[in-house]
Every structure is written in structure tokens, then in C-alpha cells.
Amino acid sequence: MTDSGSAIRAELRAWVLSKAPDLPADELSDTTPLFERRYIRSIHVPELLLLLERLRGASIDIDDLRPTDFRDIDTLVTRFGTAERAR
């Protein structure tokens, strides 16, 4: 994983932990199901999209979004990690 990928993962982990204060940091992995375990909820999606756009340096076309895009941190990085990957 590139340094930028590691930085994106770290930012996403910190953001998830801020939304799920009862989640111990050592229990959050890159494959932890975020919605399934209710660590984040639908109300958080707009804020998450803004964070992802900032991290990748490009906008996200909401017409291309799928519910599975938000499964876990691995999926978020794969789908939105860089502007090139999302195209």
C-alpha cells in the first residue's frame, strides 16, 4: 500500500472512531463491517463523502454510489482512495 493509501486508511479509521466512541480502536480493522455493526449510520454518509472527496482530491459522483461501497475501510479505499481508481 502506498503512503497515501496508508494516510487515507488512518484518516478513515480516526473518522469512524469519532462516530463510534464505544468502539475500541484495537477492534477496528480494515475489514470491520461498518454499517452492519452500526459503527456508522446513514446519517453519516454525507459527512463521509465529504471526507473521501477531501482525501482523494476529487469529487465523487453520487449517481455511481452503491450500498456495498461503504462496507468497510478496505472497500472505501479501493473504491474511493484516489480519483483515478473511481473512474
N, C-alpha and C. Protein backbone atom coordinates (compact mmCIF):
# COMPACT_ATOMS: atom_id res chain seq x y z
N MET A 1 0.86 -1.19 0.00
CA MET A 1 0.00 0.00 0.00
C MET A 1 0.89 1.24 0.00
N THR A 2 0.52 2.20 -0.78
CA THR A 2 1.30 3.43 -0.86
C THR A 2 1.14 4.25 0.42
N ASP A 3 2.05 5.20 0.60
CA ASP A 3 1.95 6.08 1.76
C ASP A 3 0.62 6.82 1.77
N SER A 4 0.16 7.27 0.59
CA SER A 4 -1.12 7.98 0.55
C SER A 4 -2.26 7.05 0.93
N GLY A 5 -2.19 5.77 0.53
CA GLY A 5 -3.20 4.80 0.93
C GLY A 5 -3.20 4.59 2.42
N SER A 6 -2.02 4.54 3.01
CA SER A 6 -1.92 4.39 4.46
C SER A 6 -2.48 5.61 5.17
N ALA A 7 -2.21 6.78 4.63
CA ALA A 7 -2.72 8.01 5.23
C ALA A 7 -4.24 8.06 5.14
N ILE A 8 -4.79 7.65 4.00
CA ILE A 8 -6.24 7.62 3.84
C ILE A 8 -6.86 6.64 4.84
N ARG A 9 -6.26 5.46 4.97
CA ARG A 9 -6.77 4.47 5.94
C ARG A 9 -6.75 5.04 7.36
N ALA A 10 -5.67 5.71 7.71
CA ALA A 10 -5.56 6.28 9.06
C ALA A 10 -6.63 7.35 9.29
N GLU A 11 -6.86 8.19 8.30
CA GLU A 11 -7.89 9.23 8.42
C GLU A 11 -9.28 8.59 8.54
N LEU A 12 -9.54 7.56 7.74
CA LEU A 12 -10.84 6.89 7.81
C LEU A 12 -11.04 6.20 9.16
N ARG A 13 -9.99 5.54 9.67
CA ARG A 13 -10.09 4.91 10.99
C ARG A 13 -10.43 5.95 12.06
N ALA A 14 -9.72 7.06 12.03
CA ALA A 14 -9.96 8.12 13.03
C ALA A 14 -11.38 8.64 12.91
N TRP A 15 -11.86 8.80 11.69
CA TRP A 15 -13.22 9.31 11.49
C TRP A 15 -14.25 8.31 12.02
N VAL A 16 -14.08 7.03 11.70
CA VAL A 16 -15.02 6.01 12.18
C VAL A 16 -15.02 5.98 13.71
N LEU A 17 -13.85 6.03 14.31
CA LEU A 17 -13.76 6.01 15.77
C LEU A 17 -14.43 7.24 16.38
N SER A 18 -14.41 8.36 15.68
CA SER A 18 -15.08 9.55 16.20
C SER A 18 -16.60 9.40 16.17
N LYS A 19 -17.10 8.58 15.27
CA LYS A 19 -18.55 8.35 15.15
C LYS A 19 -19.01 7.20 16.03
N ALA A 20 -18.08 6.34 16.45
CA ALA A 20 -18.41 5.18 17.27
C ALA A 20 -17.53 5.19 18.52
N PRO A 21 -17.82 6.09 19.46
CA PRO A 21 -16.94 6.25 20.62
C PRO A 21 -16.85 5.00 21.51
N ASP A 22 -17.81 4.11 21.42
CA ASP A 22 -17.75 2.88 22.22
C ASP A 22 -16.93 1.77 21.55
N LEU A 23 -16.46 2.02 20.35
CA LEU A 23 -15.65 1.04 19.62
C LEU A 23 -14.18 1.22 20.01
N PRO A 24 -13.58 0.21 20.66
CA PRO A 24 -12.15 0.30 20.97
C PRO A 24 -11.33 0.31 19.68
N ALA A 25 -10.34 1.17 19.62
CA ALA A 25 -9.53 1.32 18.42
C ALA A 25 -8.91 0.00 17.97
N ASP A 26 -8.53 -0.84 18.92
CA ASP A 26 -7.90 -2.10 18.55
C ASP A 26 -8.88 -3.13 17.98
N GLU A 27 -10.17 -2.82 18.03
CA GLU A 27 -11.18 -3.71 17.45
C GLU A 27 -11.62 -3.27 16.06
N LEU A 28 -11.11 -2.15 15.60
CA LEU A 28 -11.44 -1.65 14.26
C LEU A 28 -10.34 -2.06 13.29
N SER A 29 -10.67 -2.96 12.39
CA SER A 29 -9.73 -3.37 11.35
C SER A 29 -10.21 -2.82 10.01
N ASP A 30 -9.42 -3.02 8.99
CA ASP A 30 -9.80 -2.54 7.66
C ASP A 30 -10.94 -3.34 7.07
N THR A 31 -11.28 -4.48 7.69
CA THR A 31 -12.38 -5.31 7.18
C THR A 31 -13.57 -5.36 8.13
N THR A 32 -13.57 -4.53 9.15
CA THR A 32 -14.71 -4.47 10.08
C THR A 32 -15.92 -3.91 9.35
N PRO A 33 -17.05 -4.64 9.34
CA PRO A 33 -18.26 -4.14 8.69
C PRO A 33 -18.80 -2.90 9.42
N LEU A 34 -18.78 -1.77 8.76
CA LEU A 34 -19.10 -0.50 9.41
C LEU A 34 -20.60 -0.29 9.62
N PHE A 35 -21.39 -0.53 8.61
CA PHE A 35 -22.84 -0.35 8.75
C PHE A 35 -23.49 -1.54 9.43
N GLU A 36 -23.04 -2.71 9.07
CA GLU A 36 -23.61 -3.94 9.63
C GLU A 36 -23.52 -3.94 11.16
N ARG A 37 -22.43 -3.43 11.67
CA ARG A 37 -22.25 -3.38 13.13
C ARG A 37 -22.67 -2.04 13.71
N ARG A 38 -23.22 -1.19 12.88
CA ARG A 38 -23.76 0.12 13.27
C ARG A 38 -22.72 1.06 13.88
N TYR A 39 -21.48 0.96 13.39
CA TYR A 39 -20.47 1.91 13.82
C TYR A 39 -20.67 3.24 13.12
N ILE A 40 -21.17 3.17 11.90
CA ILE A 40 -21.63 4.37 11.22
C ILE A 40 -23.03 4.09 10.69
N ARG A 41 -23.78 5.16 10.50
CA ARG A 41 -25.18 5.04 10.06
C ARG A 41 -25.40 5.92 8.84
N SER A 42 -26.56 5.77 8.27
CA SER A 42 -26.85 6.51 7.03
C SER A 42 -26.72 8.02 7.20
N ILE A 43 -26.99 8.51 8.38
CA ILE A 43 -26.87 9.95 8.63
C ILE A 43 -25.42 10.43 8.48
N HIS A 44 -24.47 9.53 8.60
CA HIS A 44 -23.05 9.87 8.49
C HIS A 44 -22.56 9.90 7.04
N VAL A 45 -23.33 9.36 6.11
CA VAL A 45 -22.86 9.23 4.72
C VAL A 45 -22.48 10.56 4.09
N PRO A 46 -23.28 11.62 4.21
CA PRO A 46 -22.84 12.89 3.59
C PRO A 46 -21.49 13.38 4.13
N GLU A 47 -21.29 13.27 5.43
CA GLU A 47 -20.01 13.68 6.01
C GLU A 47 -18.88 12.78 5.53
N LEU A 48 -19.15 11.48 5.43
CA LEU A 48 -18.15 10.54 4.93
C LEU A 48 -17.78 10.86 3.49
N LEU A 49 -18.76 11.17 2.67
CA LEU A 49 -18.49 11.51 1.28
C LEU A 49 -17.63 12.78 1.18
N LEU A 50 -17.91 13.76 2.00
CA LEU A 50 -17.09 14.98 2.01
C LEU A 50 -15.65 14.66 2.42
N LEU A 51 -15.50 13.79 3.42
CA LEU A 51 -14.16 13.38 3.85
C LEU A 51 -13.43 12.66 2.72
N LEU A 52 -14.11 11.74 2.07
CA LEU A 52 -13.49 11.00 0.97
C LEU A 52 -13.10 11.93 -0.17
N GLU A 53 -13.95 12.88 -0.49
CA GLU A 53 -13.61 13.84 -1.55
C GLU A 53 -12.38 14.65 -1.18
N ARG A 54 -12.30 15.06 0.08
CA ARG A 54 -11.13 15.81 0.52
C ARG A 54 -9.87 14.96 0.45
N LEU A 55 -9.97 13.71 0.90
CA LEU A 55 -8.80 12.83 0.93
C LEU A 55 -8.31 12.47 -0.47
N ARG A 56 -9.22 12.32 -1.39
CA ARG A 56 -8.82 11.91 -2.75
C ARG A 56 -8.55 13.09 -3.66
N GLY A 57 -8.99 14.28 -3.24
CA GLY A 57 -8.75 15.47 -4.03
C GLY A 57 -9.62 15.58 -5.26
N ALA A 58 -10.77 14.91 -5.25
CA ALA A 58 -11.69 14.96 -6.39
C ALA A 58 -13.09 14.65 -5.90
N SER A 59 -14.07 15.15 -6.64
CA SER A 59 -15.45 14.90 -6.25
C SER A 59 -15.85 13.45 -6.55
N ILE A 60 -16.93 13.03 -5.92
CA ILE A 60 -17.49 11.70 -6.11
C ILE A 60 -18.86 11.87 -6.75
N ASP A 61 -19.09 11.15 -7.82
CA ASP A 61 -20.38 11.20 -8.50
C ASP A 61 -21.38 10.35 -7.72
N ILE A 62 -22.33 10.98 -7.09
CA ILE A 62 -23.27 10.23 -6.24
C ILE A 62 -24.15 9.28 -7.05
N ASP A 63 -24.27 9.52 -8.34
CA ASP A 63 -25.05 8.60 -9.17
C ASP A 63 -24.37 7.24 -9.32
N ASP A 64 -23.07 7.18 -9.06
CA ASP A 64 -22.32 5.93 -9.19
C ASP A 64 -22.20 5.16 -7.87
N LEU A 65 -22.78 5.69 -6.80
CA LEU A 65 -22.65 5.04 -5.49
C LEU A 65 -23.52 3.79 -5.39
N ARG A 66 -22.97 2.80 -4.68
CA ARG A 66 -23.69 1.56 -4.38
C ARG A 66 -23.61 1.33 -2.87
N PRO A 67 -24.60 0.71 -2.28
CA PRO A 67 -24.54 0.44 -0.84
C PRO A 67 -23.28 -0.33 -0.43
N THR A 68 -22.81 -1.21 -1.29
CA THR A 68 -21.63 -2.01 -0.96
C THR A 68 -20.34 -1.19 -0.93
N ASP A 69 -20.37 0.04 -1.45
CA ASP A 69 -19.18 0.90 -1.44
C ASP A 69 -18.75 1.27 -0.03
N PHE A 70 -19.62 1.12 0.93
CA PHE A 70 -19.37 1.59 2.30
C PHE A 70 -19.20 0.45 3.30
N ARG A 71 -18.95 -0.76 2.82
CA ARG A 71 -18.90 -1.93 3.69
C ARG A 71 -17.86 -1.81 4.79
N ASP A 72 -16.63 -1.47 4.42
CA ASP A 72 -15.52 -1.41 5.38
C ASP A 72 -14.45 -0.46 4.85
N ILE A 73 -13.41 -0.28 5.61
CA ILE A 73 -12.34 0.64 5.22
C ILE A 73 -11.64 0.14 3.96
N ASP A 74 -11.39 -1.15 3.85
CA ASP A 74 -10.77 -1.69 2.63
C ASP A 74 -11.58 -1.30 1.40
N THR A 75 -12.88 -1.48 1.48
CA THR A 75 -13.75 -1.17 0.35
C THR A 75 -13.73 0.32 0.04
N LEU A 76 -13.76 1.15 1.07
CA LEU A 76 -13.71 2.60 0.86
C LEU A 76 -12.43 3.01 0.16
N VAL A 77 -11.30 2.45 0.58
CA VAL A 77 -10.02 2.81 -0.02
C VAL A 77 -9.94 2.29 -1.45
N THR A 78 -10.41 1.08 -1.68
CA THR A 78 -10.39 0.53 -3.03
C THR A 78 -11.28 1.34 -3.97
N ARG A 79 -12.44 1.70 -3.50
CA ARG A 79 -13.42 2.40 -4.35
C ARG A 79 -13.12 3.89 -4.49
N PHE A 80 -12.66 4.53 -3.41
CA PHE A 80 -12.53 5.98 -3.42
C PHE A 80 -11.14 6.50 -3.06
N GLY A 81 -10.17 5.62 -2.91
CA GLY A 81 -8.85 6.03 -2.43
C GLY A 81 -8.17 7.10 -3.26
N THR A 82 -8.32 7.03 -4.56
CA THR A 82 -7.75 8.06 -5.43
C THR A 82 -8.75 8.37 -6.52
N ALA A 83 -8.60 9.52 -7.10
CA ALA A 83 -9.53 9.91 -8.18
C ALA A 83 -9.41 8.95 -9.37
N GLU A 84 -8.23 8.43 -9.60
CA GLU A 84 -8.03 7.52 -10.74
C GLU A 84 -8.77 6.20 -10.55
N ARG A 85 -8.82 5.68 -9.34
CA ARG A 85 -9.48 4.40 -9.07
C ARG A 85 -10.98 4.47 -9.29
N ALA A 86 -11.56 5.60 -9.03
CA ALA A 86 -13.01 5.71 -9.09
C ALA A 86 -13.53 5.82 -10.52
N ARG A 87 -12.68 6.04 -11.44
CA ARG A 87 -13.13 6.23 -12.83
C ARG A 87 -13.18 4.95 -13.58
